[in-house]
N, C-alpha and C. Protein backbone atom coordinates (compact mmCIF):
# COMPACT_ATOMS: atom_id res chain seq x y z
N MET A 1 6.81 39.57 60.60
CA MET A 1 7.33 38.21 60.80
C MET A 1 6.54 38.14 61.79
N ARG A 2 7.20 36.42 62.63
CA ARG A 2 6.51 36.04 64.14
C ARG A 2 7.51 36.06 64.26
N ARG A 3 7.85 35.87 65.78
CA ARG A 3 8.23 35.45 66.68
C ARG A 3 7.63 33.77 67.21
N ILE A 4 8.80 32.94 67.65
CA ILE A 4 7.70 31.83 68.08
C ILE A 4 9.75 31.62 68.92
N SER A 5 8.90 30.93 69.93
CA SER A 5 10.28 30.29 70.50
C SER A 5 10.02 28.62 70.72
N CYS A 6 10.95 27.99 70.89
CA CYS A 6 11.06 26.31 71.74
C CYS A 6 10.63 26.14 72.73
N PRO A 7 9.25 25.35 72.75
CA PRO A 7 8.57 24.70 74.73
C PRO A 7 10.13 23.69 75.12
N LYS A 8 10.99 23.17 74.42
CA LYS A 8 12.09 22.48 74.93
C LYS A 8 12.90 23.80 76.36
N CYS A 9 13.83 24.80 74.75
CA CYS A 9 14.58 25.70 75.32
C CYS A 9 14.38 27.15 75.01
N GLY A 10 14.01 27.87 74.45
CA GLY A 10 12.91 28.34 74.82
C GLY A 10 13.96 29.58 73.40
N HIS A 11 14.46 29.14 72.20
CA HIS A 11 15.44 29.19 71.87
C HIS A 11 13.51 30.10 70.78
N TYR A 12 14.41 31.58 69.74
CA TYR A 12 13.55 31.77 69.43
C TYR A 12 13.70 31.60 67.60
N LEU A 13 12.45 31.30 67.34
CA LEU A 13 12.56 31.52 65.72
C LEU A 13 11.55 32.31 65.28
N THR A 14 12.37 33.22 63.84
CA THR A 14 11.01 33.93 62.95
C THR A 14 11.05 33.44 61.35
N PHE A 15 8.92 33.27 60.76
CA PHE A 15 8.92 32.77 59.59
C PHE A 15 7.88 34.11 59.45
N ASP A 16 7.40 34.17 58.32
CA ASP A 16 7.12 35.20 57.94
C ASP A 16 5.56 34.51 57.35
N GLU A 17 4.31 34.70 58.51
CA GLU A 17 3.44 34.27 58.94
C GLU A 17 2.17 34.94 57.43
N LYS A 18 2.88 35.31 56.97
CA LYS A 18 1.89 35.80 55.28
C LYS A 18 1.61 34.94 54.26
N ALA A 19 2.82 34.26 54.62
CA ALA A 19 2.70 32.71 53.07
C ALA A 19 2.77 31.35 53.60
N TYR A 20 1.85 31.48 55.75
CA TYR A 20 1.19 30.35 55.21
C TYR A 20 -0.51 30.76 54.99
N PRO A 21 -0.94 30.05 54.59
CA PRO A 21 -3.31 30.73 54.75
C PRO A 21 -3.24 29.97 55.83
N SER A 22 -4.14 30.49 56.83
CA SER A 22 -5.11 30.56 58.20
C SER A 22 -5.81 29.07 58.57
N ASP A 23 -5.57 28.85 59.79
CA ASP A 23 -5.74 27.32 60.14
C ASP A 23 -4.25 26.55 59.91
N ARG A 24 -3.44 26.79 59.47
CA ARG A 24 -2.79 25.92 58.78
C ARG A 24 -1.83 25.57 60.27
N VAL A 25 -1.58 23.76 59.72
CA VAL A 25 0.06 23.32 60.81
C VAL A 25 0.92 23.42 60.56
N LEU A 26 1.76 24.31 61.25
CA LEU A 26 3.69 24.19 60.41
C LEU A 26 3.61 23.39 61.58
N VAL A 27 5.06 22.90 61.23
CA VAL A 27 6.06 21.44 61.95
C VAL A 27 7.94 23.04 62.11
N PHE A 28 7.62 22.33 62.52
CA PHE A 28 9.17 23.33 62.84
C PHE A 28 10.15 22.50 63.87
N VAL A 29 11.73 23.32 63.16
CA VAL A 29 12.58 22.10 64.13
C VAL A 29 13.77 23.54 64.84
N CYS A 30 14.23 23.03 66.18
CA CYS A 30 14.84 24.49 66.73
C CYS A 30 15.92 24.05 66.12
N PRO A 31 16.46 24.45 65.21
CA PRO A 31 18.12 25.09 65.26
C PRO A 31 18.86 24.81 66.78
N ALA A 32 18.16 25.09 67.61
CA ALA A 32 19.82 25.61 69.06
C ALA A 32 19.77 23.50 69.72
N CYS A 33 18.15 23.30 70.11
CA CYS A 33 17.85 21.76 70.36
C CYS A 33 17.91 20.78 69.38
N GLN A 34 17.05 20.70 68.44
CA GLN A 34 16.26 19.58 67.23
C GLN A 34 15.73 18.95 68.03
N LYS A 35 14.71 19.88 68.51
CA LYS A 35 13.09 19.68 68.98
C LYS A 35 12.08 20.15 68.35
N GLN A 36 11.67 18.67 67.97
CA GLN A 36 10.85 19.19 66.27
C GLN A 36 8.89 19.11 67.49
N PHE A 37 8.58 20.37 66.61
CA PHE A 37 7.22 20.92 67.44
C PHE A 37 6.64 21.44 66.95
N LYS A 38 4.97 21.81 66.47
CA LYS A 38 3.66 21.92 66.08
C LYS A 38 3.39 23.62 66.62
N ILE A 39 2.92 24.85 65.87
CA ILE A 39 1.86 25.68 65.60
C ILE A 39 0.74 25.46 64.64
N LYS A 40 0.00 26.34 65.36
CA LYS A 40 -0.58 25.69 64.64
C LYS A 40 -1.99 27.12 63.93
N LEU A 41 -2.01 28.51 62.46
CA LEU A 41 -1.75 29.60 62.47
C LEU A 41 -3.35 29.79 62.73
N GLY A 42 -3.62 31.32 63.02
CA GLY A 42 -4.97 31.69 63.66
C GLY A 42 -5.84 31.83 62.22
N SER A 43 -6.86 31.96 62.50
CA SER A 43 -8.08 31.69 61.89
C SER A 43 -8.12 33.17 61.82
N LYS A 44 -8.74 34.44 59.90
CA LYS A 44 -8.54 35.08 59.82
C LYS A 44 -9.12 36.02 60.01
N ASN A 45 -10.62 35.55 61.48
CA ASN A 45 -10.81 36.26 62.13
C ASN A 45 -10.19 36.55 63.29
N THR A 46 -9.22 36.44 63.96
CA THR A 46 -8.82 36.48 64.85
C THR A 46 -7.88 38.07 64.55
N ARG A 47 -8.22 39.46 65.28
CA ARG A 47 -7.53 40.78 64.50
C ARG A 47 -6.19 40.90 65.73
N PRO A 48 -5.04 40.58 64.26
CA PRO A 48 -4.12 41.04 65.59
C PRO A 48 -3.93 41.98 66.55
N GLN A 49 -2.82 42.66 67.56
CA GLN A 49 -3.16 43.71 67.74
C GLN A 49 -2.27 44.30 67.54
N PRO A 50 -2.68 45.84 67.62
CA PRO A 50 -2.23 46.79 66.65
C PRO A 50 -0.39 47.56 67.66
N VAL A 51 0.39 47.70 66.24
CA VAL A 51 1.53 47.96 66.71
C VAL A 51 2.03 49.58 66.60
N TYR A 52 2.27 49.78 68.10
CA TYR A 52 2.18 51.64 68.44
C TYR A 52 3.70 51.73 67.66
N GLY A 53 4.34 51.10 67.48
CA GLY A 53 5.57 50.88 68.14
C GLY A 53 6.87 50.37 67.06
N LYS A 54 8.06 50.22 68.11
CA LYS A 54 9.01 49.06 68.32
C LYS A 54 10.28 50.08 68.74
N LEU A 55 11.38 49.00 69.86
CA LEU A 55 12.60 49.34 69.74
C LEU A 55 13.61 48.78 68.70
N ILE A 56 13.97 49.32 68.44
CA ILE A 56 15.64 48.93 67.19
C ILE A 56 16.44 48.11 68.68
N VAL A 57 16.90 46.51 68.24
CA VAL A 57 18.12 46.89 69.66
C VAL A 57 19.40 46.79 68.98
N LEU A 58 20.26 47.39 68.68
CA LEU A 58 20.98 47.37 67.89
C LEU A 58 22.21 46.38 68.65
N GLU A 59 22.83 45.53 67.67
CA GLU A 59 24.01 44.68 67.25
C GLU A 59 25.06 45.58 68.35
N ASN A 60 25.51 44.67 69.17
CA ASN A 60 26.82 44.47 70.26
C ASN A 60 27.10 43.30 70.46
N ALA A 61 28.13 43.67 71.75
CA ALA A 61 29.48 41.96 71.43
C ALA A 61 28.09 41.28 72.15
N PHE A 62 27.43 41.17 72.71
CA PHE A 62 26.38 40.35 73.40
C PHE A 62 25.32 39.85 72.61
N HIS A 63 24.51 40.13 70.69
CA HIS A 63 24.26 39.96 70.03
C HIS A 63 23.57 40.48 68.91
N GLU A 64 22.53 40.20 68.48
CA GLU A 64 22.99 41.38 67.36
C GLU A 64 21.55 41.49 67.07
N ARG A 65 20.99 43.03 66.09
CA ARG A 65 19.72 43.42 66.44
C ARG A 65 18.66 43.08 66.29
N GLN A 66 18.43 43.50 67.08
CA GLN A 66 16.10 42.49 67.14
C GLN A 66 15.29 43.62 67.47
N GLU A 67 14.19 43.79 66.22
CA GLU A 67 13.01 45.02 66.49
C GLU A 67 12.43 44.00 67.80
N ILE A 68 11.37 45.10 68.72
CA ILE A 68 10.81 44.37 69.75
C ILE A 68 9.61 45.62 69.28
N PRO A 69 7.53 44.46 68.71
CA PRO A 69 7.04 45.75 68.24
C PRO A 69 6.98 46.79 70.29
N LEU A 70 6.39 47.36 70.30
CA LEU A 70 5.31 48.10 70.90
C LEU A 70 4.03 48.01 71.11
N HIS A 71 3.50 46.84 71.77
CA HIS A 71 1.34 46.99 71.63
C HIS A 71 1.18 47.53 72.70
N LEU A 72 -0.27 48.21 73.09
CA LEU A 72 -0.90 49.36 73.58
C LEU A 72 -1.07 48.25 75.18
N GLY A 73 -1.20 49.15 75.68
CA GLY A 73 -0.57 48.63 77.61
C GLY A 73 1.43 48.52 78.37
N GLU A 74 1.05 47.31 79.16
CA GLU A 74 2.01 47.13 79.38
C GLU A 74 3.77 46.97 78.85
N ASN A 75 4.06 47.25 78.66
CA ASN A 75 5.64 46.08 77.40
C ASN A 75 6.76 46.32 78.43
N ILE A 76 6.58 45.20 78.70
CA ILE A 76 8.27 44.80 79.58
C ILE A 76 9.03 44.54 79.25
N ILE A 77 10.03 44.87 79.63
CA ILE A 77 11.38 44.54 78.81
C ILE A 77 12.11 44.23 79.46
N GLY A 78 13.79 42.87 79.05
CA GLY A 78 14.30 42.17 79.76
C GLY A 78 14.80 41.17 79.08
N ARG A 79 16.33 40.91 79.60
CA ARG A 79 16.94 39.34 79.69
C ARG A 79 15.65 38.72 78.97
N TYR A 80 16.30 37.38 77.59
CA TYR A 80 15.38 36.12 77.79
C TYR A 80 15.66 35.39 78.96
N VAL A 81 15.19 34.48 79.58
CA VAL A 81 15.54 33.34 80.10
C VAL A 81 13.79 32.96 80.26
N LYS A 82 14.13 31.49 80.42
CA LYS A 82 13.26 30.90 79.84
C LYS A 82 12.32 31.15 81.82
N GLY A 83 10.83 30.75 81.16
CA GLY A 83 10.37 31.07 82.66
C GLY A 83 9.89 33.05 82.51
N THR A 84 10.79 34.01 82.30
CA THR A 84 10.68 35.57 81.88
C THR A 84 9.51 36.23 82.95
N SER A 85 8.89 37.14 82.89
CA SER A 85 8.40 38.01 83.30
C SER A 85 7.72 38.77 82.01
N ALA A 86 9.03 39.23 81.79
CA ALA A 86 9.08 39.99 80.27
C ALA A 86 7.98 39.81 79.40
N ASN A 87 7.08 39.88 78.52
CA ASN A 87 6.36 40.54 77.53
C ASN A 87 7.33 40.35 76.68
N LYS A 88 8.10 41.58 76.31
CA LYS A 88 8.98 42.33 75.20
C LYS A 88 10.51 41.56 75.47
N PRO A 89 10.73 40.01 75.61
CA PRO A 89 12.31 39.80 76.22
C PRO A 89 13.37 40.23 75.41
N ILE A 90 14.26 40.50 74.64
CA ILE A 90 14.81 40.22 73.98
C ILE A 90 16.74 39.38 74.23
N ILE A 91 16.47 39.26 73.20
CA ILE A 91 17.57 37.41 72.87
C ILE A 91 19.05 38.04 73.01
N THR A 92 18.97 38.02 74.48
CA THR A 92 21.09 37.74 75.16
C THR A 92 21.36 36.98 75.67
N THR A 93 22.68 37.36 75.30
CA THR A 93 23.56 36.77 77.41
C THR A 93 24.41 37.59 78.33
N ASP A 94 23.58 38.85 77.59
CA ASP A 94 24.40 40.75 78.37
C ASP A 94 23.51 39.71 79.73
N PRO A 95 24.61 40.36 81.40
CA PRO A 95 24.02 39.75 82.00
C PRO A 95 23.91 40.94 82.84
N SER A 96 24.12 42.28 82.09
CA SER A 96 23.76 43.52 82.49
C SER A 96 22.85 43.54 82.69
N ILE A 97 21.26 42.72 82.06
CA ILE A 97 20.32 43.22 81.36
C ILE A 97 19.28 42.92 82.40
N ASP A 98 18.45 43.19 83.35
CA ASP A 98 17.98 42.32 85.12
C ASP A 98 15.97 41.01 83.54
N THR A 99 15.98 40.59 84.40
CA THR A 99 15.38 39.67 83.50
C THR A 99 13.42 40.75 82.85
N THR A 100 13.64 41.35 83.78
CA THR A 100 12.59 42.39 84.27
C THR A 100 13.30 43.51 84.95
N HIS A 101 13.72 43.79 83.40
CA HIS A 101 14.59 45.75 83.32
C HIS A 101 13.58 47.46 83.69
N CYS A 102 13.39 46.93 82.64
CA CYS A 102 12.61 48.69 81.93
C CYS A 102 10.60 47.58 81.35
N ILE A 103 10.20 49.49 81.53
CA ILE A 103 8.50 49.54 80.94
C ILE A 103 8.14 50.61 80.61
N ILE A 104 8.16 50.01 79.01
CA ILE A 104 7.86 51.23 78.14
C ILE A 104 5.70 50.78 78.01
N THR A 105 5.11 52.38 78.80
CA THR A 105 4.01 52.14 78.36
C THR A 105 3.29 52.40 77.66
N VAL A 106 2.08 51.72 76.39
CA VAL A 106 1.56 53.00 75.35
C VAL A 106 0.14 52.66 76.11
N LYS A 107 -0.47 54.03 75.82
CA LYS A 107 -2.05 53.92 76.55
C LYS A 107 -2.03 55.15 75.47
N ASN A 108 -3.83 55.34 75.31
CA ASN A 108 -4.18 56.41 75.13
C ASN A 108 -4.61 58.07 75.42
N ASN A 109 -3.78 58.73 75.07
CA ASN A 109 -4.47 60.08 75.92
C ASN A 109 -4.72 61.59 75.37
N LYS A 110 -6.38 61.41 75.83
CA LYS A 110 -7.83 61.35 75.77
C LYS A 110 -7.66 63.14 75.08
N ASN A 111 -6.69 63.53 75.96
CA ASN A 111 -7.03 65.16 76.36
C ASN A 111 -6.40 65.65 75.37
N LYS A 112 -5.19 64.72 74.14
CA LYS A 112 -4.88 65.50 73.05
C LYS A 112 -4.94 64.96 71.43
N ASN A 113 -5.73 63.62 71.75
CA ASN A 113 -6.09 62.14 71.10
C ASN A 113 -5.30 61.92 70.62
N THR A 114 -4.27 61.87 70.47
CA THR A 114 -2.39 61.01 70.50
C THR A 114 -2.45 59.34 71.78
N ILE A 115 -1.53 58.81 71.44
CA ILE A 115 -0.70 58.42 71.46
C ILE A 115 -0.14 58.90 72.69
N GLN A 116 0.59 57.79 74.36
CA GLN A 116 2.15 57.91 74.36
C GLN A 116 2.31 57.22 75.13
N PHE A 117 4.05 56.94 75.05
CA PHE A 117 4.74 56.08 75.18
C PHE A 117 6.04 56.63 76.59
N ILE A 118 5.23 56.12 77.58
CA ILE A 118 5.76 55.96 78.86
C ILE A 118 6.87 55.23 79.33
N LEU A 119 7.93 55.69 79.81
CA LEU A 119 9.06 54.79 80.63
C LEU A 119 9.72 54.50 81.45
N ARG A 120 10.24 53.54 82.21
CA ARG A 120 10.29 53.37 83.76
C ARG A 120 11.23 52.88 83.30
N ASP A 121 12.08 52.50 84.80
CA ASP A 121 12.62 51.06 85.48
C ASP A 121 11.67 50.68 86.19
N ALA A 122 12.59 49.30 85.86
CA ALA A 122 11.44 48.37 87.04
C ALA A 122 11.16 48.35 88.38
N PRO A 123 12.51 48.21 89.24
CA PRO A 123 13.34 48.76 89.18
C PRO A 123 14.91 48.15 88.62
N SER A 124 16.09 48.12 88.13
CA SER A 124 16.55 46.74 87.68
C SER A 124 18.08 47.36 88.67
N LEU A 125 18.96 46.90 88.41
CA LEU A 125 19.78 46.65 89.29
C LEU A 125 20.79 47.60 88.79
N THR A 126 21.57 47.66 86.94
CA THR A 126 21.99 48.34 86.62
C THR A 126 21.38 49.96 86.52
N GLY A 127 19.65 49.84 85.99
CA GLY A 127 19.47 51.45 85.72
C GLY A 127 19.46 51.66 83.70
N THR A 128 18.45 52.48 84.51
CA THR A 128 17.64 52.59 82.62
C THR A 128 18.45 54.02 82.21
N PHE A 129 18.01 53.33 81.27
CA PHE A 129 18.89 55.50 81.02
C PHE A 129 17.74 55.86 79.68
N TYR A 130 18.22 57.08 79.77
CA TYR A 130 17.25 57.62 77.89
C TYR A 130 17.88 59.04 77.83
N GLN A 131 18.13 59.07 77.33
CA GLN A 131 19.27 59.57 76.28
C GLN A 131 19.86 60.35 77.37
N GLY A 132 20.38 59.74 77.49
CA GLY A 132 22.58 59.88 78.27
C GLY A 132 21.89 59.79 80.14
N ASN A 133 20.74 59.78 80.42
CA ASN A 133 20.26 59.99 81.90
C ASN A 133 19.83 59.26 82.95
N ILE A 134 19.82 59.08 83.30
CA ILE A 134 19.80 57.52 84.48
C ILE A 134 18.35 58.04 85.03
N LEU A 135 17.19 57.05 84.79
CA LEU A 135 16.11 57.29 85.71
C LEU A 135 16.29 56.70 86.75
N ARG A 136 15.63 57.63 88.03
CA ARG A 136 15.11 57.20 89.52
C ARG A 136 14.39 56.18 89.48
N ASP A 137 13.72 54.94 90.31
CA ASP A 137 13.01 54.59 90.09
C ASP A 137 12.15 54.91 90.37
N GLN A 138 11.84 56.07 90.76
CA GLN A 138 9.55 56.31 90.32
C GLN A 138 10.56 57.75 89.20
N ASP A 139 10.99 58.19 88.51
CA ASP A 139 10.54 58.62 87.51
C ASP A 139 9.47 58.06 85.88
N LYS A 140 8.89 58.37 85.52
CA LYS A 140 8.11 57.83 84.25
C LYS A 140 7.99 59.23 82.95
N ILE A 141 9.40 59.36 81.81
CA ILE A 141 9.79 59.99 80.98
C ILE A 141 8.44 59.40 79.85
N PHE A 142 7.74 60.70 79.62
CA PHE A 142 7.16 61.11 78.18
C PHE A 142 8.67 60.22 76.79
N VAL A 143 8.30 59.21 76.07
CA VAL A 143 9.31 59.08 74.69
C VAL A 143 9.23 59.47 73.64
N GLU A 144 9.99 59.74 73.45
CA GLU A 144 9.87 60.28 71.81
C GLU A 144 10.82 59.59 70.92
N ASN A 145 9.69 60.25 69.76
CA ASN A 145 10.80 58.98 68.46
C ASN A 145 12.13 59.62 68.27
N ASP A 146 13.28 58.35 68.20
CA ASP A 146 14.00 58.18 67.80
C ASP A 146 15.48 58.00 68.87
N ALA A 147 14.63 58.01 70.22
CA ALA A 147 15.06 58.20 71.08
C ALA A 147 16.31 57.20 71.57
N VAL A 148 16.64 57.64 72.70
CA VAL A 148 17.69 56.54 72.34
C VAL A 148 18.15 55.74 73.69
N ILE A 149 17.40 54.76 74.57
CA ILE A 149 17.25 54.10 75.90
C ILE A 149 18.29 53.38 75.64
N ASN A 150 19.14 53.17 76.72
CA ASN A 150 19.98 52.55 77.25
C ASN A 150 19.61 51.17 78.60
N ILE A 151 19.92 49.46 78.31
CA ILE A 151 19.71 48.92 79.75
C ILE A 151 20.91 48.13 79.71
N GLY A 152 21.33 47.87 80.34
CA GLY A 152 22.95 46.97 80.06
C GLY A 152 24.11 47.97 79.76
N GLY A 153 24.20 46.76 78.79
CA GLY A 153 25.25 47.07 77.90
C GLY A 153 24.83 46.93 76.75
N THR A 154 23.59 47.09 76.72
CA THR A 154 22.77 47.23 75.46
C THR A 154 22.38 48.96 74.66
N THR A 155 22.24 49.32 73.51
CA THR A 155 21.14 49.95 73.78
C THR A 155 19.80 49.38 72.35
N MET A 156 18.36 50.74 73.20
CA MET A 156 17.60 50.32 71.88
C MET A 156 16.85 51.78 71.58
N ILE A 157 16.75 51.73 70.28
CA ILE A 157 16.22 52.58 70.00
C ILE A 157 14.47 53.23 69.61
N ALA A 158 13.83 53.72 70.59
CA ALA A 158 12.86 53.59 69.83
C ALA A 158 11.71 53.96 68.89
N GLN A 159 11.16 54.30 68.19
CA GLN A 159 10.61 53.99 66.77
C GLN A 159 9.68 54.60 66.70
N ILE A 160 8.77 55.71 67.22
CA ILE A 160 6.79 55.68 67.08
C ILE A 160 6.49 56.18 66.13
N ILE A 161 5.58 55.53 65.11
CA ILE A 161 4.51 55.02 64.00
C ILE A 161 4.05 56.50 65.03
N LYS A 162 4.26 57.64 63.51
CA LYS A 162 3.36 59.11 64.15
C LYS A 162 2.17 58.87 63.12
N ASP A 163 0.96 59.73 63.29
CA ASP A 163 -0.17 60.11 63.21
C ASP A 163 -1.70 58.58 63.38
N ILE A 164 -1.64 57.97 64.53
CA ILE A 164 -1.88 57.43 64.95
C ILE A 164 -2.97 57.50 65.95
N PRO A 165 -4.74 57.58 65.18
CA PRO A 165 -5.50 57.85 65.88
C PRO A 165 -6.06 57.77 66.51
N TYR A 166 -6.71 58.40 67.87
CA TYR A 166 -6.89 57.70 69.72
C TYR A 166 -8.40 57.02 69.17
N THR A 167 -7.98 55.74 69.74
CA THR A 167 -9.43 55.10 69.66
C THR A 167 -9.74 55.32 71.52
N GLN A 168 -10.96 54.83 71.68
CA GLN A 168 -11.92 54.99 72.85
C GLN A 168 -11.26 52.93 73.67
N GLN A 169 -10.09 52.88 73.76
CA GLN A 169 -10.11 52.08 74.06
C GLN A 169 -9.65 52.75 75.45
N SER A 170 -9.94 51.23 75.94
CA SER A 170 -9.39 50.78 77.78
C SER A 170 -7.50 51.76 77.66
N ASP A 171 -7.56 52.95 79.20
CA ASP A 171 -6.18 52.91 79.18
C ASP A 171 -4.86 52.48 80.22
């Protein structure tokens, strides 16, 4: 599944890009603002960025369940607003989530031939909680599989893909 955002209002849409041939132009109509826009699917020669894990954003009073993929590098998590610097936005109206709330860095651990997931607060106004404990601004926590992360009024579960081979990419 691929997520795209409307160029007018920023509303996210999802579609199965595997159902269409590469180099195809698709036309969408935003259900929120009725803006019609096009996207061109990439060629088969472009390699997708590998997913090393995901955050499952559980349903709460502000939004429905979402899945956010985690890639190598800094995954900046925050509330979606147009122009946000978060590269992993959560679609929500929860005012207690900052637009840049926390960061999960996914990187290679050369010594153990594994991938590491490191959580830190951005810093945010309401704080980031890992397994029920609040992180201080200078804290960096190693995230484990099925760990519970709370930001604002939202709960997320970190799911890490196990047995990811170490690669020689930059840290």
